[in-house]
Amino acid sequence: MFTVYALHSAKFNKIYIGYSSDMENRLDAHNIYQTKGYTFRYRPWVVVYTESYPTKKEAMIRERQLKSAKGREFIWNLINYRQDD
């Protein structure tokens, strides 16, 4: 099983979209273990959206969709809706 996910850094108001076969360890990598790169600079990250897929190929296709302008708009709308609550 593969998880497509979106992370939000409230401190820097940034999003990150990715996929993983081990979501728990991947989130730890973003928040704890990485020592360089995009997600390292904008810690801490919180999961704001997930979807599950049975194959890596399906997860990669959906990740690509969420990284498009419309996909990013969808994620930002989720984040903004939660902040309005």
PDB file of N, CA and C in Angstrom:
ATOM      1  N   MET A   1       0.848  -1.178   0.000  1.00  0.00           N
ATOM      2  CA  MET A   1       0.000   0.000   0.000  1.00  0.00           C
ATOM      3  C   MET A   1       0.894   1.243   0.000  1.00  0.00           C
ATOM      4  N   PHE A   2       0.518   2.217  -0.793  1.00  0.00           N
ATOM      5  CA  PHE A   2       1.266   3.473  -0.898  1.00  0.00           C
ATOM      6  C   PHE A   2       0.368   4.629  -0.500  1.00  0.00           C
ATOM      7  N   THR A   3       0.941   5.596   0.188  1.00  0.00           N
ATOM      8  CA  THR A   3       0.204   6.766   0.646  1.00  0.00           C
ATOM      9  C   THR A   3       0.723   7.999  -0.063  1.00  0.00           C
ATOM     10  N   VAL A   4      -0.193   8.735  -0.672  1.00  0.00           N
ATOM     11  CA  VAL A   4       0.121  10.050  -1.215  1.00  0.00           C
ATOM     12  C   VAL A   4      -0.252  11.026  -0.119  1.00  0.00           C
ATOM     13  N   TYR A   5       0.626  11.990   0.159  1.00  0.00           N
ATOM     14  CA  TYR A   5       0.382  12.866   1.294  1.00  0.00           C
ATOM     15  C   TYR A   5       0.736  14.317   0.971  1.00  0.00           C
ATOM     16  N   ALA A   6       0.121  15.194   1.741  1.00  0.00           N
ATOM     17  CA  ALA A   6       0.459  16.613   1.673  1.00  0.00           C
ATOM     18  C   ALA A   6       0.801  17.061   3.083  1.00  0.00           C
ATOM     19  N   LEU A   7       1.918  17.759   3.199  1.00  0.00           N
ATOM     20  CA  LEU A   7       2.369  18.296   4.479  1.00  0.00           C
ATOM     21  C   LEU A   7       2.263  19.805   4.444  1.00  0.00           C
ATOM     22  N   HIS A   8       2.070  20.388   5.623  1.00  0.00           N
ATOM     23  CA  HIS A   8       2.023  21.846   5.732  1.00  0.00           C
ATOM     24  C   HIS A   8       2.955  22.292   6.845  1.00  0.00           C
ATOM     25  N   SER A   9       3.713  23.333   6.551  1.00  0.00           N
ATOM     26  CA  SER A   9       4.543  23.976   7.562  1.00  0.00           C
ATOM     27  C   SER A   9       3.868  25.297   7.898  1.00  0.00           C
ATOM     28  N   ALA A  10       3.164  25.341   9.006  1.00  0.00           N
ATOM     29  CA  ALA A  10       2.456  26.557   9.403  1.00  0.00           C
ATOM     30  C   ALA A  10       3.434  27.690   9.704  1.00  0.00           C
ATOM     31  N   LYS A  11       4.583  27.340  10.248  1.00  0.00           N
ATOM     32  CA  LYS A  11       5.584  28.349  10.607  1.00  0.00           C
ATOM     33  C   LYS A  11       6.048  29.140   9.384  1.00  0.00           C
ATOM     34  N   PHE A  12       6.179  28.458   8.231  1.00  0.00           N
ATOM     35  CA  PHE A  12       6.662  29.100   7.011  1.00  0.00           C
ATOM     36  C   PHE A  12       5.594  29.196   5.922  1.00  0.00           C
ATOM     37  N   ASN A  13       4.402  28.656   6.200  1.00  0.00           N
ATOM     38  CA  ASN A  13       3.285  28.620   5.254  1.00  0.00           C
ATOM     39  C   ASN A  13       3.698  27.997   3.916  1.00  0.00           C
ATOM     40  N   LYS A  14       4.284  26.798   3.999  1.00  0.00           N
ATOM     41  CA  LYS A  14       4.727  26.040   2.828  1.00  0.00           C
ATOM     42  C   LYS A  14       4.012  24.700   2.815  1.00  0.00           C
ATOM     43  N   ILE A  15       3.878  24.121   1.611  1.00  0.00           N
ATOM     44  CA  ILE A  15       3.347  22.765   1.496  1.00  0.00           C
ATOM     45  C   ILE A  15       4.364  21.871   0.804  1.00  0.00           C
ATOM     46  N   TYR A  16       4.236  20.573   1.050  1.00  0.00           N
ATOM     47  CA  TYR A  16       5.061  19.566   0.409  1.00  0.00           C
ATOM     48  C   TYR A  16       4.155  18.403   0.068  1.00  0.00           C
ATOM     49  N   ILE A  17       4.275  17.868  -1.145  1.00  0.00           N
ATOM     50  CA  ILE A  17       3.460  16.748  -1.602  1.00  0.00           C
ATOM     51  C   ILE A  17       4.388  15.609  -1.981  1.00  0.00           C
ATOM     52  N   GLY A  18       4.078  14.401  -1.509  1.00  0.00           N
ATOM     53  CA  GLY A  18       4.908  13.247  -1.816  1.00  0.00           C
ATOM     54  C   GLY A  18       4.126  11.956  -1.686  1.00  0.00           C
ATOM     55  N   TYR A  19       4.827  10.829  -1.798  1.00  0.00           N
ATOM     56  CA  TYR A  19       4.207   9.520  -1.589  1.00  0.00           C
ATOM     57  C   TYR A  19       5.212   8.618  -0.887  1.00  0.00           C
ATOM     58  N   SER A  20       4.691   7.594  -0.214  1.00  0.00           N
ATOM     59  CA  SER A  20       5.549   6.690   0.536  1.00  0.00           C
ATOM     60  C   SER A  20       4.841   5.370   0.784  1.00  0.00           C
ATOM     61  N   SER A  21       5.628   4.328   0.950  1.00  0.00           N
ATOM     62  CA  SER A  21       5.068   3.037   1.353  1.00  0.00           C
ATOM     63  C   SER A  21       5.078   2.890   2.869  1.00  0.00           C
ATOM     64  N   ASP A  22       5.694   3.843   3.572  1.00  0.00           N
ATOM     65  CA  ASP A  22       5.762   3.823   5.037  1.00  0.00           C
ATOM     66  C   ASP A  22       5.592   5.257   5.545  1.00  0.00           C
ATOM     67  N   MET A  23       4.358   5.675   5.666  1.00  0.00           N
ATOM     68  CA  MET A  23       4.052   7.067   5.972  1.00  0.00           C
ATOM     69  C   MET A  23       4.632   7.532   7.306  1.00  0.00           C
ATOM     70  N   GLU A  24       4.554   6.695   8.319  1.00  0.00           N
ATOM     71  CA  GLU A  24       5.051   7.087   9.638  1.00  0.00           C
ATOM     72  C   GLU A  24       6.550   7.396   9.602  1.00  0.00           C
ATOM     73  N   ASN A  25       7.320   6.507   9.011  1.00  0.00           N
ATOM     74  CA  ASN A  25       8.763   6.733   8.913  1.00  0.00           C
ATOM     75  C   ASN A  25       9.092   7.905   7.999  1.00  0.00           C
ATOM     76  N   ARG A  26       8.296   8.090   6.946  1.00  0.00           N
ATOM     77  CA  ARG A  26       8.550   9.203   6.029  1.00  0.00           C
ATOM     78  C   ARG A  26       8.315  10.533   6.725  1.00  0.00           C
ATOM     79  N   LEU A  27       7.273  10.633   7.535  1.00  0.00           N
ATOM     80  CA  LEU A  27       7.017  11.863   8.282  1.00  0.00           C
ATOM     81  C   LEU A  27       8.149  12.127   9.268  1.00  0.00           C
ATOM     82  N   ASP A  28       8.632  11.080   9.933  1.00  0.00           N
ATOM     83  CA  ASP A  28       9.782  11.238  10.831  1.00  0.00           C
ATOM     84  C   ASP A  28      11.004  11.723  10.055  1.00  0.00           C
ATOM     85  N   ALA A  29      11.190  11.209   8.853  1.00  0.00           N
ATOM     86  CA  ALA A  29      12.325  11.649   8.037  1.00  0.00           C
ATOM     87  C   ALA A  29      12.222  13.141   7.742  1.00  0.00           C
ATOM     88  N   HIS A  30      11.028  13.596   7.389  1.00  0.00           N
ATOM     89  CA  HIS A  30      10.847  15.022   7.102  1.00  0.00           C
ATOM     90  C   HIS A  30      11.084  15.888   8.337  1.00  0.00           C
ATOM     91  N   ASN A  31      10.630  15.430   9.484  1.00  0.00           N
ATOM     92  CA  ASN A  31      10.673  16.261  10.693  1.00  0.00           C
ATOM     93  C   ASN A  31      11.893  16.050  11.585  1.00  0.00           C
ATOM     94  N   ILE A  32      12.538  14.890  11.506  1.00  0.00           N
ATOM     95  CA  ILE A  32      13.593  14.579  12.469  1.00  0.00           C
ATOM     96  C   ILE A  32      14.927  14.241  11.805  1.00  0.00           C
ATOM     97  N   TYR A  33      14.923  13.310  10.843  1.00  0.00           N
ATOM     98  CA  TYR A  33      16.164  12.693  10.397  1.00  0.00           C
ATOM     99  C   TYR A  33      16.884  13.401   9.257  1.00  0.00           C
ATOM    100  N   GLN A  34      16.178  14.121   8.412  1.00  0.00           N
ATOM    101  CA  GLN A  34      16.863  14.773   7.291  1.00  0.00           C
ATOM    102  C   GLN A  34      17.768  15.891   7.796  1.00  0.00           C
ATOM    103  N   THR A  35      18.890  16.055   7.116  1.00  0.00           N
ATOM    104  CA  THR A  35      19.845  17.094   7.516  1.00  0.00           C
ATOM    105  C   THR A  35      20.053  18.145   6.439  1.00  0.00           C
ATOM    106  N   LYS A  36      19.359  18.011   5.300  1.00  0.00           N
ATOM    107  CA  LYS A  36      19.433  19.021   4.254  1.00  0.00           C
ATOM    108  C   LYS A  36      18.218  18.868   3.336  1.00  0.00           C
ATOM    109  N   GLY A  37      18.009  19.857   2.487  1.00  0.00           N
ATOM    110  CA  GLY A  37      16.924  19.792   1.514  1.00  0.00           C
ATOM    111  C   GLY A  37      15.743  20.675   1.869  1.00  0.00           C
ATOM    112  N   TYR A  38      14.746  20.641   1.001  1.00  0.00           N
ATOM    113  CA  TYR A  38      13.570  21.502   1.121  1.00  0.00           C
ATOM    114  C   TYR A  38      12.834  21.294   2.442  1.00  0.00           C
ATOM    115  N   THR A  39      12.499  20.044   2.760  1.00  0.00           N
ATOM    116  CA  THR A  39      11.706  19.823   3.969  1.00  0.00           C
ATOM    117  C   THR A  39      12.497  20.114   5.238  1.00  0.00           C
ATOM    118  N   PHE A  40      13.798  19.981   5.181  1.00  0.00           N
ATOM    119  CA  PHE A  40      14.632  20.307   6.348  1.00  0.00           C
ATOM    120  C   PHE A  40      14.518  21.791   6.705  1.00  0.00           C
ATOM    121  N   ARG A  41      14.503  22.647   5.696  1.00  0.00           N
ATOM    122  CA  ARG A  41      14.480  24.103   5.920  1.00  0.00           C
ATOM    123  C   ARG A  41      13.182  24.615   6.530  1.00  0.00           C
ATOM    124  N   TYR A  42      12.075  23.902   6.301  1.00  0.00           N
ATOM    125  CA  TYR A  42      10.767  24.437   6.682  1.00  0.00           C
ATOM    126  C   TYR A  42      10.062  23.627   7.768  1.00  0.00           C
ATOM    127  N   ARG A  43      10.818  22.986   8.624  1.00  0.00           N
ATOM    128  CA  ARG A  43      10.235  22.227   9.741  1.00  0.00           C
ATOM    129  C   ARG A  43       9.533  23.139  10.723  1.00  0.00           C
ATOM    130  N   PRO A  44       8.576  22.672  11.463  1.00  0.00           N
ATOM    131  CA  PRO A  44       7.980  21.336  11.498  1.00  0.00           C
ATOM    132  C   PRO A  44       6.870  21.183  10.450  1.00  0.00           C
ATOM    133  N   TRP A  45       6.626  19.923  10.049  1.00  0.00           N
ATOM    134  CA  TRP A  45       5.606  19.573   9.075  1.00  0.00           C
ATOM    135  C   TRP A  45       4.476  18.825   9.750  1.00  0.00           C
ATOM    136  N   VAL A  46       3.256  19.084   9.289  1.00  0.00           N
ATOM    137  CA  VAL A  46       2.064  18.396   9.784  1.00  0.00           C
ATOM    138  C   VAL A  46       1.337  17.809   8.576  1.00  0.00           C
ATOM    139  N   VAL A  47       0.864  16.584   8.701  1.00  0.00           N
ATOM    140  CA  VAL A  47       0.103  15.960   7.620  1.00  0.00           C
ATOM    141  C   VAL A  47      -1.271  16.634   7.532  1.00  0.00           C
ATOM    142  N   VAL A  48      -1.611  17.123   6.348  1.00  0.00           N
ATOM    143  CA  VAL A  48      -2.915  17.763   6.156  1.00  0.00           C
ATOM    144  C   VAL A  48      -3.823  16.974   5.224  1.00  0.00           C
ATOM    145  N   TYR A  49      -3.241  15.991   4.491  1.00  0.00           N
ATOM    146  CA  TYR A  49      -4.065  15.234   3.550  1.00  0.00           C
ATOM    147  C   TYR A  49      -3.356  13.935   3.187  1.00  0.00           C
ATOM    148  N   THR A  50      -4.127  12.837   3.085  1.00  0.00           N
ATOM    149  CA  THR A  50      -3.582  11.557   2.639  1.00  0.00           C
ATOM    150  C   THR A  50      -4.594  10.830   1.752  1.00  0.00           C
ATOM    151  N   GLU A  51      -4.069  10.019   0.863  1.00  0.00           N
ATOM    152  CA  GLU A  51      -4.856   9.091   0.049  1.00  0.00           C
ATOM    153  C   GLU A  51      -4.041   7.808  -0.068  1.00  0.00           C
ATOM    154  N   SER A  52      -4.700   6.660  -0.094  1.00  0.00           N
ATOM    155  CA  SER A  52      -4.001   5.378  -0.199  1.00  0.00           C
ATOM    156  C   SER A  52      -4.243   4.740  -1.561  1.00  0.00           C
ATOM    157  N   TYR A  53      -3.192   4.084  -2.083  1.00  0.00           N
ATOM    158  CA  TYR A  53      -3.254   3.409  -3.378  1.00  0.00           C
ATOM    159  C   TYR A  53      -2.565   2.056  -3.275  1.00  0.00           C
ATOM    160  N   PRO A  54      -3.078   1.069  -4.001  1.00  0.00           N
ATOM    161  CA  PRO A  54      -2.482  -0.272  -3.906  1.00  0.00           C
ATOM    162  C   PRO A  54      -1.143  -0.415  -4.633  1.00  0.00           C
ATOM    163  N   THR A  55      -0.871   0.443  -5.623  1.00  0.00           N
ATOM    164  CA  THR A  55       0.377   0.307  -6.373  1.00  0.00           C
ATOM    165  C   THR A  55       1.168   1.612  -6.372  1.00  0.00           C
ATOM    166  N   LYS A  56       2.465   1.472  -6.528  1.00  0.00           N
ATOM    167  CA  LYS A  56       3.355   2.631  -6.601  1.00  0.00           C
ATOM    168  C   LYS A  56       3.007   3.493  -7.810  1.00  0.00           C
ATOM    169  N   LYS A  57       2.692   2.855  -8.920  1.00  0.00           N
ATOM    170  CA  LYS A  57       2.360   3.586 -10.142  1.00  0.00           C
ATOM    171  C   LYS A  57       1.158   4.503  -9.927  1.00  0.00           C
ATOM    172  N   GLU A  58       0.105   3.993  -9.299  1.00  0.00           N
ATOM    173  CA  GLU A  58      -1.090   4.803  -9.036  1.00  0.00           C
ATOM    174  C   GLU A  58      -0.759   5.974  -8.105  1.00  0.00           C
ATOM    175  N   ALA A  59       0.067   5.703  -7.099  1.00  0.00           N
ATOM    176  CA  ALA A  59       0.456   6.760  -6.157  1.00  0.00           C
ATOM    177  C   ALA A  59       1.263   7.841  -6.870  1.00  0.00           C
ATOM    178  N   MET A  60       2.156   7.440  -7.757  1.00  0.00           N
ATOM    179  CA  MET A  60       2.969   8.413  -8.485  1.00  0.00           C
ATOM    180  C   MET A  60       2.109   9.282  -9.408  1.00  0.00           C
ATOM    181  N   ILE A  61       1.108   8.678 -10.029  1.00  0.00           N
ATOM    182  CA  ILE A  61       0.203   9.440 -10.895  1.00  0.00           C
ATOM    183  C   ILE A  61      -0.554  10.471 -10.079  1.00  0.00           C
ATOM    184  N   ARG A  62      -1.079  10.051  -8.922  1.00  0.00           N
ATOM    185  CA  ARG A  62      -1.843  10.983  -8.084  1.00  0.00           C
ATOM    186  C   ARG A  62      -0.938  12.072  -7.512  1.00  0.00           C
ATOM    187  N   GLU A  63       0.285  11.720  -7.124  1.00  0.00           N
ATOM    188  CA  GLU A  63       1.226  12.722  -6.625  1.00  0.00           C
ATOM    189  C   GLU A  63       1.444  13.796  -7.696  1.00  0.00           C
ATOM    190  N   ARG A  64       1.647  13.374  -8.926  1.00  0.00           N
ATOM    191  CA  ARG A  64       1.852  14.315 -10.027  1.00  0.00           C
ATOM    192  C   ARG A  64       0.638  15.234 -10.192  1.00  0.00           C
ATOM    193  N   GLN A  65      -0.572  14.682 -10.040  1.00  0.00           N
ATOM    194  CA  GLN A  65      -1.788  15.491 -10.142  1.00  0.00           C
ATOM    195  C   GLN A  65      -1.848  16.535  -9.032  1.00  0.00           C
ATOM    196  N   LEU A  66      -1.507  16.120  -7.810  1.00  0.00           N
ATOM    197  CA  LEU A  66      -1.556  17.056  -6.684  1.00  0.00           C
ATOM    198  C   LEU A  66      -0.468  18.127  -6.783  1.00  0.00           C
ATOM    199  N   LYS A  67       0.605  17.847  -7.501  1.00  0.00           N
ATOM    200  CA  LYS A  67       1.663  18.841  -7.670  1.00  0.00           C
ATOM    201  C   LYS A  67       1.348  19.841  -8.789  1.00  0.00           C
ATOM    202  N   SER A  68       0.274  19.610  -9.521  1.00  0.00           N
ATOM    203  CA  SER A  68      -0.139  20.551 -10.564  1.00  0.00           C
ATOM    204  C   SER A  68      -0.751  21.782  -9.896  1.00  0.00           C
ATOM    205  N   ALA A  69      -1.013  22.800 -10.687  1.00  0.00           N
ATOM    206  CA  ALA A  69      -1.616  24.031 -10.146  1.00  0.00           C
ATOM    207  C   ALA A  69      -2.965  23.737  -9.494  1.00  0.00           C
ATOM    208  N   LYS A  70      -3.792  22.929 -10.148  1.00  0.00           N
ATOM    209  CA  LYS A  70      -5.108  22.604  -9.582  1.00  0.00           C
ATOM    210  C   LYS A  70      -4.975  21.762  -8.316  1.00  0.00           C
ATOM    211  N   GLY A  71      -4.015  20.852  -8.310  1.00  0.00           N
ATOM    212  CA  GLY A  71      -3.792  20.024  -7.128  1.00  0.00           C
ATOM    213  C   GLY A  71      -3.323  20.843  -5.941  1.00  0.00           C
ATOM    214  N   ARG A  72      -2.401  21.755  -6.184  1.00  0.00           N
ATOM    215  CA  ARG A  72      -1.921  22.630  -5.105  1.00  0.00           C
ATOM    216  C   ARG A  72      -3.040  23.543  -4.611  1.00  0.00           C
ATOM    217  N   GLU A  73      -3.880  24.002  -5.517  1.00  0.00           N
ATOM    218  CA  GLU A  73      -5.026  24.819  -5.113  1.00  0.00           C
ATOM    219  C   GLU A  73      -5.952  24.019  -4.197  1.00  0.00           C
ATOM    220  N   PHE A  74      -6.178  22.744  -4.529  1.00  0.00           N
ATOM    221  CA  PHE A  74      -6.996  21.857  -3.705  1.00  0.00           C
ATOM    222  C   PHE A  74      -6.416  21.747  -2.291  1.00  0.00           C
ATOM    223  N   ILE A  75      -5.108  21.523  -2.188  1.00  0.00           N
ATOM    224  CA  ILE A  75      -4.461  21.397  -0.877  1.00  0.00           C
ATOM    225  C   ILE A  75      -4.547  22.709  -0.109  1.00  0.00           C
ATOM    226  N   TRP A  76      -4.256  23.827  -0.762  1.00  0.00           N
ATOM    227  CA  TRP A  76      -4.337  25.126  -0.075  1.00  0.00           C
ATOM    228  C   TRP A  76      -5.754  25.413   0.404  1.00  0.00           C
ATOM    229  N   ASN A  77      -6.756  25.024  -0.377  1.00  0.00           N
ATOM    230  CA  ASN A  77      -8.146  25.215   0.056  1.00  0.00           C
ATOM    231  C   ASN A  77      -8.443  24.403   1.306  1.00  0.00           C
ATOM    232  N   LEU A  78      -7.919  23.180   1.387  1.00  0.00           N
ATOM    233  CA  LEU A  78      -8.092  22.367   2.605  1.00  0.00           C
ATOM    234  C   LEU A  78      -7.448  23.053   3.812  1.00  0.00           C
ATOM    235  N   ILE A  79      -6.254  23.544   3.622  1.00  0.00           N
ATOM    236  CA  ILE A  79      -5.527  24.194   4.714  1.00  0.00           C
ATOM    237  C   ILE A  79      -6.264  25.454   5.161  1.00  0.00           C
ATOM    238  N   ASN A  80      -6.668  26.257   4.215  1.00  0.00           N
ATOM    239  CA  ASN A  80      -7.376  27.506   4.551  1.00  0.00           C
ATOM    240  C   ASN A  80      -8.721  27.239   5.202  1.00  0.00           C
ATOM    241  N   TYR A  81      -9.414  26.177   4.775  1.00  0.00           N
ATOM    242  CA  TYR A  81     -10.684  25.813   5.390  1.00  0.00           C
ATOM    243  C   TYR A  81     -10.485  25.420   6.845  1.00  0.00           C
ATOM    244  N   ARG A  82      -9.439  24.669   7.119  1.00  0.00           N
ATOM    245  CA  ARG A  82      -9.162  24.246   8.509  1.00  0.00           C
ATOM    246  C   ARG A  82      -8.778  25.429   9.379  1.00  0.00           C
ATOM    247  N   GLN A  83      -8.078  26.395   8.816  1.00  0.00           N
ATOM    248  CA  GLN A  83      -7.671  27.562   9.592  1.00  0.00           C
ATOM    249  C   GLN A  83      -8.857  28.453   9.923  1.00  0.00           C
ATOM    250  N   ASP A  84      -9.892  28.404   9.085  1.00  0.00           N
ATOM    251  CA  ASP A  84     -11.087  29.218   9.316  1.00  0.00           C
ATOM    252  C   ASP A  84     -11.956  28.654  10.429  1.00  0.00           C
ATOM    253  N   ASP A  85     -11.772  27.355  10.755  1.00  0.00           N
ATOM    254  CA  ASP A  85     -12.591  26.730  11.825  1.00  0.00           C
ATOM    255  C   ASP A  85     -12.250  27.284  13.183  1.00  0.00           C
TER     256      ASP A  85
END
